[in-house]
Protein backbone atom coordinates (compact mmCIF):
# COMPACT_ATOMS: atom_id res chain seq x y z
CA MET A 1 96.05 186.13 99.77
CA SER A 2 92.57 187.61 100.10
CA HIS A 3 91.44 190.38 102.42
CA LYS A 4 87.85 190.20 101.22
CA THR A 5 85.13 189.73 103.81
CA ASP A 6 83.25 186.45 104.20
CA ILE A 7 80.13 187.97 102.66
CA GLU A 8 82.05 189.34 99.64
CA ILE A 9 83.61 185.90 99.07
CA ALA A 10 80.20 184.20 99.40
CA ARG A 11 78.63 186.60 96.88
CA GLU A 12 81.31 185.76 94.31
CA ALA A 13 80.67 182.02 94.66
CA ASN A 14 80.52 180.11 91.40
CA LYS A 15 77.63 177.90 92.48
CA ARG A 16 76.64 174.85 90.46
CA PRO A 17 72.97 173.81 90.09
CA ILE A 18 72.03 171.67 93.09
CA MET A 19 70.98 168.78 90.82
CA GLU A 20 74.59 168.63 89.63
CA ILE A 21 75.87 168.41 93.22
CA GLY A 22 73.38 165.63 93.89
CA ALA A 23 74.45 163.75 90.77
CA ARG A 24 78.03 163.65 92.10
CA LEU A 25 76.68 161.61 95.04
CA GLY A 26 74.59 159.40 92.76
CA ILE A 27 71.33 161.14 93.70
CA GLY A 28 68.92 161.39 90.76
CA ALA A 29 66.84 164.50 90.07
CA ASP A 30 63.67 162.65 91.10
CA ASP A 31 65.08 162.16 94.60
CA LEU A 32 65.81 165.84 95.18
CA LEU A 33 63.10 168.33 96.10
CA PRO A 34 64.58 171.66 94.99
CA TYR A 35 64.23 174.85 97.05
CA GLY A 36 65.37 177.26 94.36
CA HIS A 37 68.48 176.49 92.30
CA ASP A 38 71.01 176.01 95.09
CA LYS A 39 69.42 173.89 97.80
CA ALA A 40 67.27 170.77 97.89
CA LYS A 41 65.83 168.18 100.24
CA LEU A 42 66.64 164.50 99.88
CA SER A 43 63.76 162.03 99.52
CA GLN A 44 63.11 159.35 102.14
CA SER A 45 62.81 156.73 99.38
CA PHE A 46 66.42 157.42 98.30
CA ILE A 47 67.61 157.32 101.93
CA ASP A 48 65.88 153.95 102.38
CA ALA A 49 67.38 152.63 99.13
CA VAL A 50 71.02 153.20 100.17
CA GLN A 51 70.81 151.66 103.65
CA SER A 52 72.46 148.39 102.59
CA ARG A 53 75.63 150.16 101.40
CA PRO A 54 78.79 150.09 103.55
CA ASP A 55 79.59 153.15 105.67
CA GLY A 56 82.36 155.62 104.96
CA LYS A 57 84.61 156.95 107.71
CA LEU A 58 83.18 159.46 110.19
CA ILE A 59 85.39 162.40 111.23
CA LEU A 60 84.38 164.69 114.09
CA VAL A 61 85.50 168.32 114.18
CA THR A 62 85.39 169.86 117.64
CA ALA A 63 87.26 172.69 119.39
CA ILE A 64 88.63 174.27 122.53
CA ASN A 65 86.25 176.36 124.65
CA PRO A 66 85.13 179.32 122.54
CA THR A 67 86.68 182.73 123.19
CA PRO A 68 85.97 186.20 121.76
CA ALA A 69 89.13 185.65 119.67
CA GLY A 70 87.27 183.13 117.50
CA GLU A 71 88.21 179.52 116.74
CA GLY A 72 86.63 178.66 113.37
CA LYS A 73 85.14 175.20 113.91
CA THR A 74 82.61 175.34 111.06
CA THR A 75 85.20 176.96 108.79
CA THR A 76 87.58 174.09 109.51
CA THR A 77 84.83 171.48 109.03
CA VAL A 78 84.02 172.90 105.59
CA GLY A 79 87.70 173.38 104.73
CA LEU A 80 88.54 169.79 105.70
CA GLY A 81 85.67 168.48 103.56
CA ASP A 82 87.05 170.44 100.59
CA GLY A 83 90.61 169.34 101.45
CA LEU A 84 89.67 165.65 101.47
CA ASN A 85 87.98 166.05 98.09
CA ARG A 86 91.08 167.85 96.84
CA ILE A 87 93.34 164.90 97.70
CA GLY A 88 91.04 162.51 95.86
CA LYS A 89 88.68 161.32 98.59
CA LYS A 90 84.91 161.41 98.14
CA ALA A 91 83.97 163.53 101.15
CA VAL A 92 80.67 164.98 102.38
CA VAL A 93 80.29 167.76 104.98
CA CYS A 94 77.49 167.51 107.61
CA ILE A 95 76.76 170.62 109.67
CA ARG A 96 73.84 172.13 111.57
CA GLU A 97 71.43 174.84 110.52
CA ALA A 98 71.75 178.30 112.04
CA SER A 99 69.32 179.73 114.58
CA LEU A 100 67.92 183.21 114.02
CA GLY A 101 68.47 183.99 117.72
CA PRO A 102 72.29 184.19 117.67
CA ASN A 103 72.35 185.53 114.09
CA PHE A 104 70.46 188.64 115.20
CA GLY A 105 72.09 188.53 118.64
CA MET A 106 75.85 188.34 119.09
CA LYS A 107 77.23 185.30 117.25
CA GLY A 108 76.57 186.11 113.61
CA GLY A 109 76.20 183.54 110.84
CA ALA A 110 77.16 179.89 110.97
CA ALA A 111 78.20 178.80 107.49
CA GLY A 112 81.99 178.88 107.73
CA GLY A 113 84.20 181.73 106.61
CA GLY A 114 86.71 182.98 104.05
CA TYR A 115 87.24 180.44 101.29
CA ALA A 116 85.84 177.62 103.44
CA GLN A 117 82.12 178.36 103.39
CA VAL A 118 78.87 176.63 102.62
CA VAL A 119 76.54 178.52 100.27
CA PRO A 120 73.91 179.98 99.90
CA MET A 121 75.17 181.77 102.99
CA GLU A 122 72.36 184.32 103.46
CA GLU A 123 69.55 181.78 103.16
CA MET A 124 71.33 179.32 105.46
CA ASN A 125 71.49 181.99 108.14
CA LEU A 126 67.87 183.07 107.69
CA HIS A 127 64.81 180.95 106.85
CA PHE A 128 66.68 178.35 104.72
CA THR A 129 64.14 175.60 103.88
CA GLY A 130 61.82 176.38 106.80
CA ASP A 131 62.89 173.52 109.11
CA PHE A 132 63.13 175.70 112.23
CA HIS A 133 59.71 177.20 111.55
CA ALA A 134 58.24 173.70 111.23
CA ILE A 135 59.80 172.66 114.55
CA THR A 136 58.51 175.83 116.22
CA SER A 137 55.00 175.22 114.85
CA ALA A 138 54.94 171.54 115.82
CA HIS A 139 56.14 172.33 119.34
CA ASN A 140 53.60 175.10 119.85
CA LEU A 141 50.76 173.04 118.40
CA LEU A 142 51.33 170.63 121.29
CA SER A 143 51.40 173.56 123.75
CA ALA A 144 48.08 174.85 122.39
CA MET A 145 46.49 171.39 122.49
CA ILE A 146 47.48 170.89 126.16
CA ASP A 147 45.81 174.13 127.23
CA ASN A 148 42.84 173.39 124.96
CA HIS A 149 42.42 169.95 126.55
CA ILE A 150 42.26 171.54 130.01
CA TYR A 151 39.84 174.24 128.78
CA TRP A 152 37.38 171.62 127.46
CA GLY A 153 37.04 169.71 130.72
CA ASN A 154 40.49 168.21 131.37
CA GLU A 155 39.45 164.59 130.82
CA LEU A 156 43.04 163.40 131.52
CA ASP A 157 43.00 165.15 134.91
CA ILE A 158 46.18 167.13 134.19
CA ASP A 159 47.49 169.05 137.19
CA GLU A 160 47.97 172.57 135.80
CA ARG A 161 50.83 173.10 138.26
CA ARG A 162 52.65 170.14 136.75
CA ILE A 163 52.62 171.00 133.05
CA VAL A 164 56.26 170.65 131.96
CA TRP A 165 55.83 171.50 128.26
CA ARG A 166 56.73 175.14 127.60
CA ARG A 167 56.51 177.14 124.37
CA VAL A 168 59.30 178.04 121.93
CA MET A 169 60.34 180.64 119.39
CA ASP A 170 63.51 180.99 117.30
CA MET A 171 64.63 184.32 118.70
CA ASN A 172 66.48 185.56 121.77
CA ASP A 173 63.81 187.16 123.98
CA ARG A 174 64.53 187.23 127.71
CA ALA A 175 61.12 188.80 128.49
CA LEU A 176 59.47 185.48 127.65
CA ARG A 177 61.55 183.27 129.96
CA ASP A 178 59.02 183.25 132.78
CA MET A 179 55.45 184.40 132.29
CA VAL A 180 51.76 183.86 133.06
CA VAL A 181 49.37 182.84 130.28
CA SER A 182 45.57 182.71 129.94
CA LEU A 183 44.85 185.95 131.79
CA GLY A 184 41.69 187.86 130.87
CA GLY A 185 38.82 185.75 132.07
CA VAL A 186 37.02 182.46 131.57
CA ALA A 187 37.09 182.53 127.75
CA ASN A 188 40.91 182.48 127.75
CA GLY A 189 41.36 179.37 129.87
CA PHE A 190 43.00 178.85 133.25
CA PRO A 191 45.85 181.20 134.19
CA ARG A 192 49.16 179.43 134.86
CA GLN A 193 52.87 180.09 134.95
CA THR A 194 54.96 178.97 131.97
CA GLY A 195 57.61 180.40 129.63
CA PHE A 196 59.39 180.18 126.31
CA ASP A 197 62.62 178.45 125.34
CA ILE A 198 64.50 179.09 122.10
CA THR A 199 63.47 176.66 119.33
CA VAL A 200 66.88 174.98 119.25
CA ALA A 201 66.34 173.92 122.89
CA SER A 202 63.00 172.28 122.04
CA GLU A 203 62.74 168.53 122.59
CA VAL A 204 61.12 168.46 119.14
CA MET A 205 64.44 169.71 117.68
CA ALA A 206 66.32 166.96 119.51
CA ILE A 207 63.78 164.35 118.38
CA LEU A 208 64.06 165.46 114.75
CA CYS A 209 67.85 165.22 114.97
CA LEU A 210 67.85 161.75 116.56
CA SER A 211 65.04 160.08 114.55
CA LYS A 212 65.80 157.56 111.80
CA ASN A 213 62.63 158.15 109.75
CA LEU A 214 59.07 159.52 109.99
CA GLU A 215 57.79 156.43 111.81
CA ASP A 216 60.52 156.75 114.43
CA LEU A 217 59.80 160.50 114.60
CA GLN A 218 56.10 159.97 115.39
CA GLN A 219 56.90 157.30 117.98
CA ARG A 220 59.33 159.66 119.74
CA LEU A 221 56.92 162.61 119.58
CA GLY A 222 54.27 160.40 121.20
CA ASP A 223 56.74 159.53 123.98
CA ILE A 224 57.15 163.18 125.08
CA VAL A 225 56.04 163.67 128.69
CA VAL A 226 54.06 166.93 128.72
CA ALA A 227 52.52 166.99 132.20
CA TYR A 228 51.56 165.00 135.28
CA THR A 229 48.30 164.33 137.11
CA ARG A 230 47.79 165.16 140.79
CA GLU A 231 48.85 161.57 141.49
CA LYS A 232 52.06 162.35 139.51
CA LYS A 233 51.12 159.98 136.69
CA PRO A 234 52.79 161.11 133.44
CA ILE A 235 50.70 162.48 130.56
CA TYR A 236 52.24 161.86 127.14
CA CYS A 237 51.96 163.75 123.87
CA ARG A 238 50.03 160.78 122.41
CA ASP A 239 47.48 161.13 125.25
CA ILE A 240 46.84 164.66 123.96
CA LYS A 241 46.60 163.12 120.43
CA ALA A 242 49.06 165.67 118.99
CA ASP A 243 51.73 163.29 117.66
CA GLY A 244 50.10 162.70 114.26
CA ALA A 245 49.57 166.37 113.44
CA MET A 246 53.06 167.24 114.68
CA THR A 247 54.53 164.60 112.35
CA VAL A 248 52.59 166.13 109.45
CA LEU A 249 54.10 169.54 110.23
CA LEU A 250 57.58 167.99 110.38
CA LYS A 251 57.24 165.81 107.25
CA ASP A 252 59.51 167.95 105.05
CA ALA A 253 61.68 169.25 107.88
CA MET A 254 62.71 165.64 108.58
CA GLN A 255 64.44 165.37 105.19
CA PRO A 256 68.13 166.47 105.01
CA ASN A 257 69.04 169.62 103.06
CA LEU A 258 71.72 169.37 100.37
CA VAL A 259 73.82 172.45 99.57
CA GLN A 260 77.42 173.00 98.43
CA THR A 261 80.72 174.46 99.56
CA LEU A 262 82.44 177.29 97.67
CA GLU A 263 84.42 174.55 95.89
CA ASN A 264 81.17 172.85 94.82
CA ASN A 265 81.51 169.89 97.16
CA PRO A 266 78.35 168.40 98.75
CA ALA A 267 77.19 169.43 102.22
CA PHE A 268 74.19 168.27 104.22
CA VAL A 269 72.90 171.03 106.52
CA HIS A 270 70.24 169.67 108.82
CA GLY A 271 69.06 170.16 112.39
CA GLY A 272 70.35 172.79 114.76
CA PRO A 273 70.42 172.00 118.48
CA PHE A 274 72.79 174.21 120.53
CA ALA A 275 75.50 172.24 122.30
CA ASN A 276 75.34 174.36 125.47
CA ILE A 277 71.65 173.60 126.15
CA ALA A 278 70.91 170.64 123.85
CA HIS A 279 72.98 167.89 122.20
CA GLY A 280 74.57 170.11 119.53
CA CYS A 281 74.87 167.75 116.53
CA ASN A 282 73.81 167.49 112.90
CA SER A 283 70.83 165.13 112.44
CA VAL A 284 71.32 161.37 112.60
CA ILE A 285 69.45 160.97 109.29
CA ALA A 286 71.83 163.39 107.50
CA THR A 287 75.00 161.88 109.00
CA THR A 288 74.01 158.25 108.44
CA THR A 289 72.89 158.98 104.86
CA ALA A 290 76.12 160.84 104.11
CA LEU A 291 78.09 157.82 105.38
CA LYS A 292 76.37 155.71 102.69
CA LEU A 293 77.28 158.23 99.96
CA GLY A 294 80.86 159.26 100.73
CA GLU A 295 84.17 157.70 101.71
CA TYR A 296 84.54 160.38 104.38
CA VAL A 297 81.95 162.36 106.31
CA VAL A 298 83.18 165.43 108.17
CA THR A 299 80.77 166.62 110.84
CA GLU A 300 81.02 169.08 113.70
CA ALA A 301 79.62 169.19 117.20
CA GLY A 302 78.90 172.55 118.79
CA PHE A 303 81.10 174.70 121.04
CA GLY A 304 84.03 173.17 122.93
CA ALA A 305 84.74 169.44 123.11
CA ASP A 306 83.55 169.41 126.74
CA LEU A 307 80.03 170.03 125.42
CA GLY A 308 79.62 169.18 121.72
CA ALA A 309 82.07 166.29 121.46
CA GLU A 310 80.95 164.71 124.73
CA LYS A 311 77.30 164.80 123.58
CA PHE A 312 78.23 163.62 120.08
CA PHE A 313 79.91 160.58 121.61
CA ASP A 314 77.61 159.90 124.57
CA ILE A 315 74.24 160.71 122.96
CA LYS A 316 74.40 160.72 119.15
CA CYS A 317 76.94 157.93 118.57
CA ARG A 318 75.45 155.81 121.36
CA LYS A 319 71.89 156.19 120.01
CA ALA A 320 72.71 155.86 116.30
CA GLY A 321 75.40 153.18 116.57
CA LEU A 322 78.04 155.46 115.00
CA LYS A 323 81.77 154.76 115.34
CA PRO A 324 83.95 157.80 114.58
CA SER A 325 87.36 157.09 113.03
CA ALA A 326 89.17 160.31 114.04
CA ALA A 327 88.62 163.70 115.66
CA VAL A 328 90.00 167.14 114.85
CA ILE A 329 90.28 169.73 117.63
CA VAL A 330 90.33 173.30 116.31
CA ALA A 331 92.43 175.87 118.13
CA THR A 332 93.90 179.26 117.30
CA VAL A 333 97.02 181.01 118.52
CA ARG A 334 94.81 183.99 119.43
CA ALA A 335 92.56 181.82 121.60
CA MET A 336 95.57 180.27 123.34
CA LYS A 337 96.74 183.80 124.19
CA MET A 338 93.29 184.70 125.58
CA ASN A 339 93.33 181.55 127.71
CA GLY A 340 96.78 182.70 128.82
CA GLY A 341 95.34 186.00 130.10
CA VAL A 342 95.87 188.38 127.14
CA ALA A 343 93.12 190.98 126.51
CA LYS A 344 91.37 190.92 123.12
CA ALA A 345 92.86 194.31 122.17
CA ASP A 346 96.40 192.96 122.65
CA LEU A 347 96.08 189.74 120.64
CA GLY A 348 98.01 191.16 117.68
CA THR A 349 101.25 191.38 119.69
CA GLU A 350 103.53 188.32 119.84
CA ASN A 351 103.39 186.67 123.25
CA VAL A 352 104.78 183.13 123.27
CA ALA A 353 104.60 182.89 127.06
CA ALA A 354 100.84 183.59 126.99
CA VAL A 355 100.37 180.97 124.27
CA GLN A 356 102.15 178.41 126.45
CA LYS A 357 100.13 179.48 129.49
CA GLY A 358 96.85 179.06 127.57
CA CYS A 359 97.65 175.67 126.02
CA PRO A 360 96.43 173.53 128.98
CA ASN A 361 92.83 174.25 127.86
CA LEU A 362 93.68 172.56 124.57
CA GLY A 363 95.54 169.79 126.39
CA ARG A 364 92.52 168.90 128.47
CA HIS A 365 90.32 168.65 125.36
CA ILE A 366 92.89 166.40 123.67
CA ALA A 367 92.93 164.05 126.68
CA ASN A 368 89.13 164.07 126.91
CA VAL A 369 88.55 163.15 123.27
CA LYS A 370 91.22 160.44 123.44
CA SER A 371 89.43 159.00 126.48
CA PHE A 372 86.57 157.98 124.14
CA GLY A 373 89.01 155.84 122.16
CA VAL A 374 89.18 158.22 119.18
CA PRO A 375 92.56 159.36 117.74
CA VAL A 376 93.07 163.15 117.70
CA VAL A 377 94.79 165.73 115.51
CA VAL A 378 94.84 169.46 116.27
CA ALA A 379 94.06 171.99 113.54
CA ILE A 380 95.66 175.40 114.14
CA ASN A 381 93.29 177.72 112.29
CA HIS A 382 95.70 180.36 110.96
CA PHE A 383 95.30 184.12 111.45
CA TYR A 384 97.48 186.73 109.73
CA SER A 385 98.82 187.98 113.07
CA ASP A 386 100.17 184.55 114.16
CA THR A 387 103.96 184.46 114.40
CA ASP A 388 106.22 181.49 113.69
CA ALA A 389 107.30 181.33 117.32
CA GLU A 390 103.70 181.24 118.57
CA ILE A 391 102.74 178.51 116.10
CA ALA A 392 105.83 176.52 117.09
CA ALA A 393 104.82 176.81 120.76
CA VAL A 394 101.39 175.27 120.08
CA LYS A 395 102.93 172.49 117.96
CA ALA A 396 105.47 171.69 120.67
CA TYR A 397 102.80 171.58 123.39
CA VAL A 398 100.53 169.28 121.36
CA ALA A 399 103.47 166.97 120.58
CA GLU A 400 104.03 166.64 124.35
CA GLN A 401 100.40 165.47 124.62
CA GLY A 402 101.08 162.69 122.11
CA SER A 403 99.23 164.31 119.20
CA GLU A 404 100.16 166.46 116.23
CA ALA A 405 99.15 170.07 115.51
CA ILE A 406 98.91 171.08 111.86
CA LEU A 407 98.77 174.67 110.60
CA CYS A 408 95.72 175.20 108.38
CA LYS A 409 95.23 178.15 106.01
CA HIS A 410 91.82 177.20 104.57
CA TRP A 411 90.23 180.57 105.43
CA ALA A 412 92.57 182.34 103.00
CA GLN A 413 93.38 179.55 100.56
CA GLY A 414 90.44 177.12 100.62
CA SER A 415 91.26 173.43 100.18
CA ALA A 416 94.85 174.20 99.11
CA GLY A 417 95.54 175.51 102.62
CA ILE A 418 94.36 172.41 104.45
CA GLU A 419 95.89 169.54 102.46
CA ASP A 420 98.29 168.61 105.27
CA LEU A 421 95.40 168.16 107.71
CA ALA A 422 93.43 166.15 105.13
CA HIS A 423 96.34 163.72 104.68
CA LYS A 424 96.76 163.38 108.47
CA VAL A 425 93.03 162.71 108.96
CA VAL A 426 93.15 159.98 106.29
CA GLU A 427 96.22 158.48 107.98
CA LEU A 428 94.47 158.41 111.39
CA ALA A 429 91.18 157.13 109.98
CA GLU A 430 92.90 154.34 108.02
CA SER A 431 95.19 153.40 110.91
CA GLY A 432 92.54 151.39 112.73
CA LEU A 433 93.51 153.16 115.97
CA ALA A 434 89.91 154.13 116.73
CA ASP A 435 88.26 152.00 119.38
CA PHE A 436 85.27 154.13 120.26
CA LYS A 437 83.45 153.70 123.54
CA PRO A 438 81.11 156.09 125.40
CA LEU A 439 82.15 157.63 128.72
CA TYR A 440 79.67 155.65 130.83
CA PRO A 441 77.47 152.53 130.43
CA ASP A 442 73.68 152.71 129.99
CA GLU A 443 73.09 150.88 133.28
CA MET A 444 74.88 153.48 135.46
CA SER A 445 72.49 155.55 137.63
CA LEU A 446 71.44 158.96 136.28
CA PHE A 447 73.16 160.94 139.03
CA ASP A 448 76.33 158.90 138.55
CA LYS A 449 76.20 159.69 134.82
CA ILE A 450 76.00 163.42 135.58
CA GLU A 451 78.93 163.00 137.98
CA ALA A 452 80.88 160.97 135.40
CA VAL A 453 80.72 163.88 132.93
CA ALA A 454 81.45 166.50 135.61
CA LYS A 455 84.47 164.63 136.96
CA GLY A 456 85.74 162.89 133.83
CA ILE A 457 85.28 165.68 131.27
CA TYR A 458 85.11 168.97 133.22
CA ARG A 459 87.55 167.69 135.91
CA ALA A 460 85.27 168.94 138.70
CA ASP A 461 85.61 167.62 142.24
CA GLY A 462 81.92 166.68 142.23
CA VAL A 463 78.31 167.74 141.63
CA GLU A 464 76.13 169.89 143.88
CA ALA A 465 72.41 169.07 143.65
CA GLU A 466 69.43 169.60 145.95
CA LYS A 467 67.89 166.50 147.51
CA SER A 468 64.77 167.10 145.38
CA ILE A 469 66.84 166.78 142.18
CA ARG A 470 68.42 163.51 143.29
CA GLU A 471 64.97 162.20 144.23
CA GLN A 472 63.53 163.27 140.87
CA LEU A 473 66.26 161.29 139.09
CA LYS A 474 65.38 158.23 141.20
CA VAL A 475 61.69 158.62 140.28
CA TRP A 476 62.62 158.62 136.58
CA GLU A 477 64.80 155.56 137.09
CA ALA A 478 61.86 153.76 138.73
CA ALA A 479 59.69 154.78 135.75
CA GLY A 480 62.10 153.06 133.34
CA TYR A 481 64.24 156.01 132.20
CA GLY A 482 67.42 155.07 134.06
CA HIS A 483 69.15 153.76 130.92
CA LEU A 484 69.05 157.19 129.23
CA PRO A 485 72.21 159.26 128.70
CA VAL A 486 72.51 162.74 130.22
CA CYS A 487 72.63 166.03 128.30
CA MET A 488 74.49 168.70 130.27
CA ALA A 489 73.28 172.27 129.83
CA LYS A 490 76.29 174.41 130.78
CA THR A 491 78.16 177.53 129.70
CA GLN A 492 80.30 176.93 126.63
CA TYR A 493 83.03 179.35 127.70
CA SER A 494 84.58 177.30 130.48
CA PHE A 495 85.01 173.78 131.86
CA THR A 496 83.26 175.20 134.94
CA THR A 497 79.84 176.88 135.19
CA ASP A 498 81.58 180.28 135.47
CA PRO A 499 81.90 181.69 131.91
CA ASN A 500 84.88 183.85 132.95
CA MET A 501 86.99 180.92 134.19
CA ARG A 502 89.26 180.20 131.22
CA GLY A 503 92.16 177.78 130.90
CA ALA A 504 92.06 174.38 132.63
CA PRO A 505 90.70 175.11 136.11
CA THR A 506 90.63 172.64 139.01
CA GLY A 507 89.14 172.70 142.51
CA PHE A 508 85.51 173.45 141.58
CA THR A 509 82.12 171.74 141.72
CA ILE A 510 79.28 171.68 139.16
CA PRO A 511 75.96 172.95 140.55
CA VAL A 512 72.91 171.28 138.94
CA ARG A 513 69.97 173.68 139.18
CA GLU A 514 67.27 171.63 137.49
CA VAL A 515 66.76 168.34 135.62
CA ARG A 516 64.35 167.80 132.73
CA LEU A 517 63.16 164.54 131.20
CA SER A 518 63.29 164.42 127.38
CA ALA A 519 61.63 161.03 127.04
CA GLY A 520 61.02 161.37 123.30
CA ALA A 521 64.55 162.48 122.47
CA GLY A 522 65.88 159.88 124.87
CA PHE A 523 67.98 161.80 127.37
CA ILE A 524 67.86 163.62 130.71
CA VAL A 525 68.84 167.32 130.65
CA ALA A 526 70.87 168.57 133.62
CA ILE A 527 70.79 172.38 133.78
CA CYS A 528 74.01 173.58 135.40
CA GLY A 529 74.84 176.97 136.91
CA GLU A 530 73.22 180.02 135.35
CA ILE A 531 72.73 178.67 131.81
CA MET A 532 69.50 179.90 130.15
CA THR A 533 67.34 177.88 127.75
CA MET A 534 66.08 181.20 126.34
CA PRO A 535 69.04 183.50 125.62
CA GLY A 536 68.79 187.29 125.72
CA LEU A 537 70.06 189.81 123.20
CA PRO A 538 73.34 191.63 123.96
CA ARG A 539 73.50 195.39 124.59
CA VAL A 540 74.22 195.95 120.89
CA PRO A 541 72.54 193.13 118.94
CA SER A 542 73.72 192.24 115.44
CA ALA A 543 70.17 193.04 114.29
CA GLU A 544 71.00 196.77 114.58
CA VAL A 545 73.33 196.57 111.56
CA ILE A 546 71.52 193.97 109.42
CA ARG A 547 69.82 195.60 106.44
CA LEU A 548 69.34 195.51 102.68
CA ASN A 549 71.74 197.71 100.67
CA ALA A 550 70.87 199.70 97.53
CA ALA A 551 71.54 196.62 95.39
CA GLY A 552 69.06 194.58 97.40
CA GLN A 553 71.81 192.54 99.05
CA ILE A 554 71.82 191.63 102.73
CA GLU A 555 74.43 193.49 104.79
CA GLY A 556 75.59 192.87 108.37
CA LEU A 557 74.47 189.27 108.72
CA PHE A 558 78.03 187.99 108.73
């Protein structure tokens, strides 16, 4: 049993050349664009060539609401991919790319942990293949072209008070949330209020993750509504004539990135929308391509199942025609204890009663995922401090919910520690039990869709929204956007909009503060409670301890 750190384990990885990993999936060297020896992009011509193949089985990994105790969703996703390969299945892992914001903020890296990691870990958590930079540049090119259009006479008659396209950067910087630009006189344009969001919240990120190919990408970019005239007529990205240049900037970013797990199994790492403020899923192009190449594709959706899984089902699966065969909900004994009221400092002490008290959070997620017609298994991500009695309590609770909880030791043992879960996932996927259906139909009104998620998934009594918000939704319906799904921007820490409300609360409402139209991505964003689309850094950001050591290695990133 290892007590090495994640970074020490990653550094000792016995990586194989990326061309070798590609060859295992039947990808020839000509169809891989290498970025060094250990990562490569997949060509569009290869993706097009495999479209006629049958699909493998799609497995979603999701989790309970995150706690400071840690759950290990990515670790379990990677471990399960390795475990399926270990039991003789051809499996591919599909996860998202990491944002620099949380890496230098409070969350740390996002490539798994222990002996269930994707490598190269440092590059994946930093610049990787430059996809986020391309998205940032494409987004801000459009921002610059809007202001430039107004500067040179405003032929489209844009109302400067009704520009809805902000700017983005891939860093947590609260000072940029709300600001005034173009100060300093006539040469700098017309002063106006705007702000920055984090790159992962950009509609361009969502578009990249939901597009099928470059043609679809350009069409969606053109569909972005950037502003309105004084008569409230929408102005689109294609009116600004930015869609072509933006597509050029995104040409390589659109192609999925192939890397490997510590056990040299293939992983596609592509796209990176946060699930608390965006739709939180790996790109459609990576997932659908993986389904043509493997018998099993294991993908994750961000944060708790109330956010990531709901958006995976209601946005990604709906838009891409995906039908998941099974879902895994990751939980830990430690997190159950935190949901049961135990302080972080006391998690090492056995407390079966607290585990039982915290389990309803897990129970609600199980019921929610099952409500989409997808069979569920619970993965108990094992920690050294877990006792037999505590593990037994979680297993007993899950059995009462009509599912099974399986202890997984992939962090310490790699694929050998997750074989039981792999066998159970195969059993569920092959059972034919899955009968996937989204939560609500396309034709339901936008406000009713928001209410359907709030009541059906969060178990709220209802939704609070100003009259102006309800009217805005009706205007979008009249403009032809009523069929779109909704993307709820909400705290990840709770079913409610109060991040401190753990467990399975009832007797609350969901306040909707603002709604945004993402016409290119194809959804309506409902911003709930105090959630920010530009996070801030914590009091002690991770950046304070990230440095190069004497050997030139990166320290503190993980």
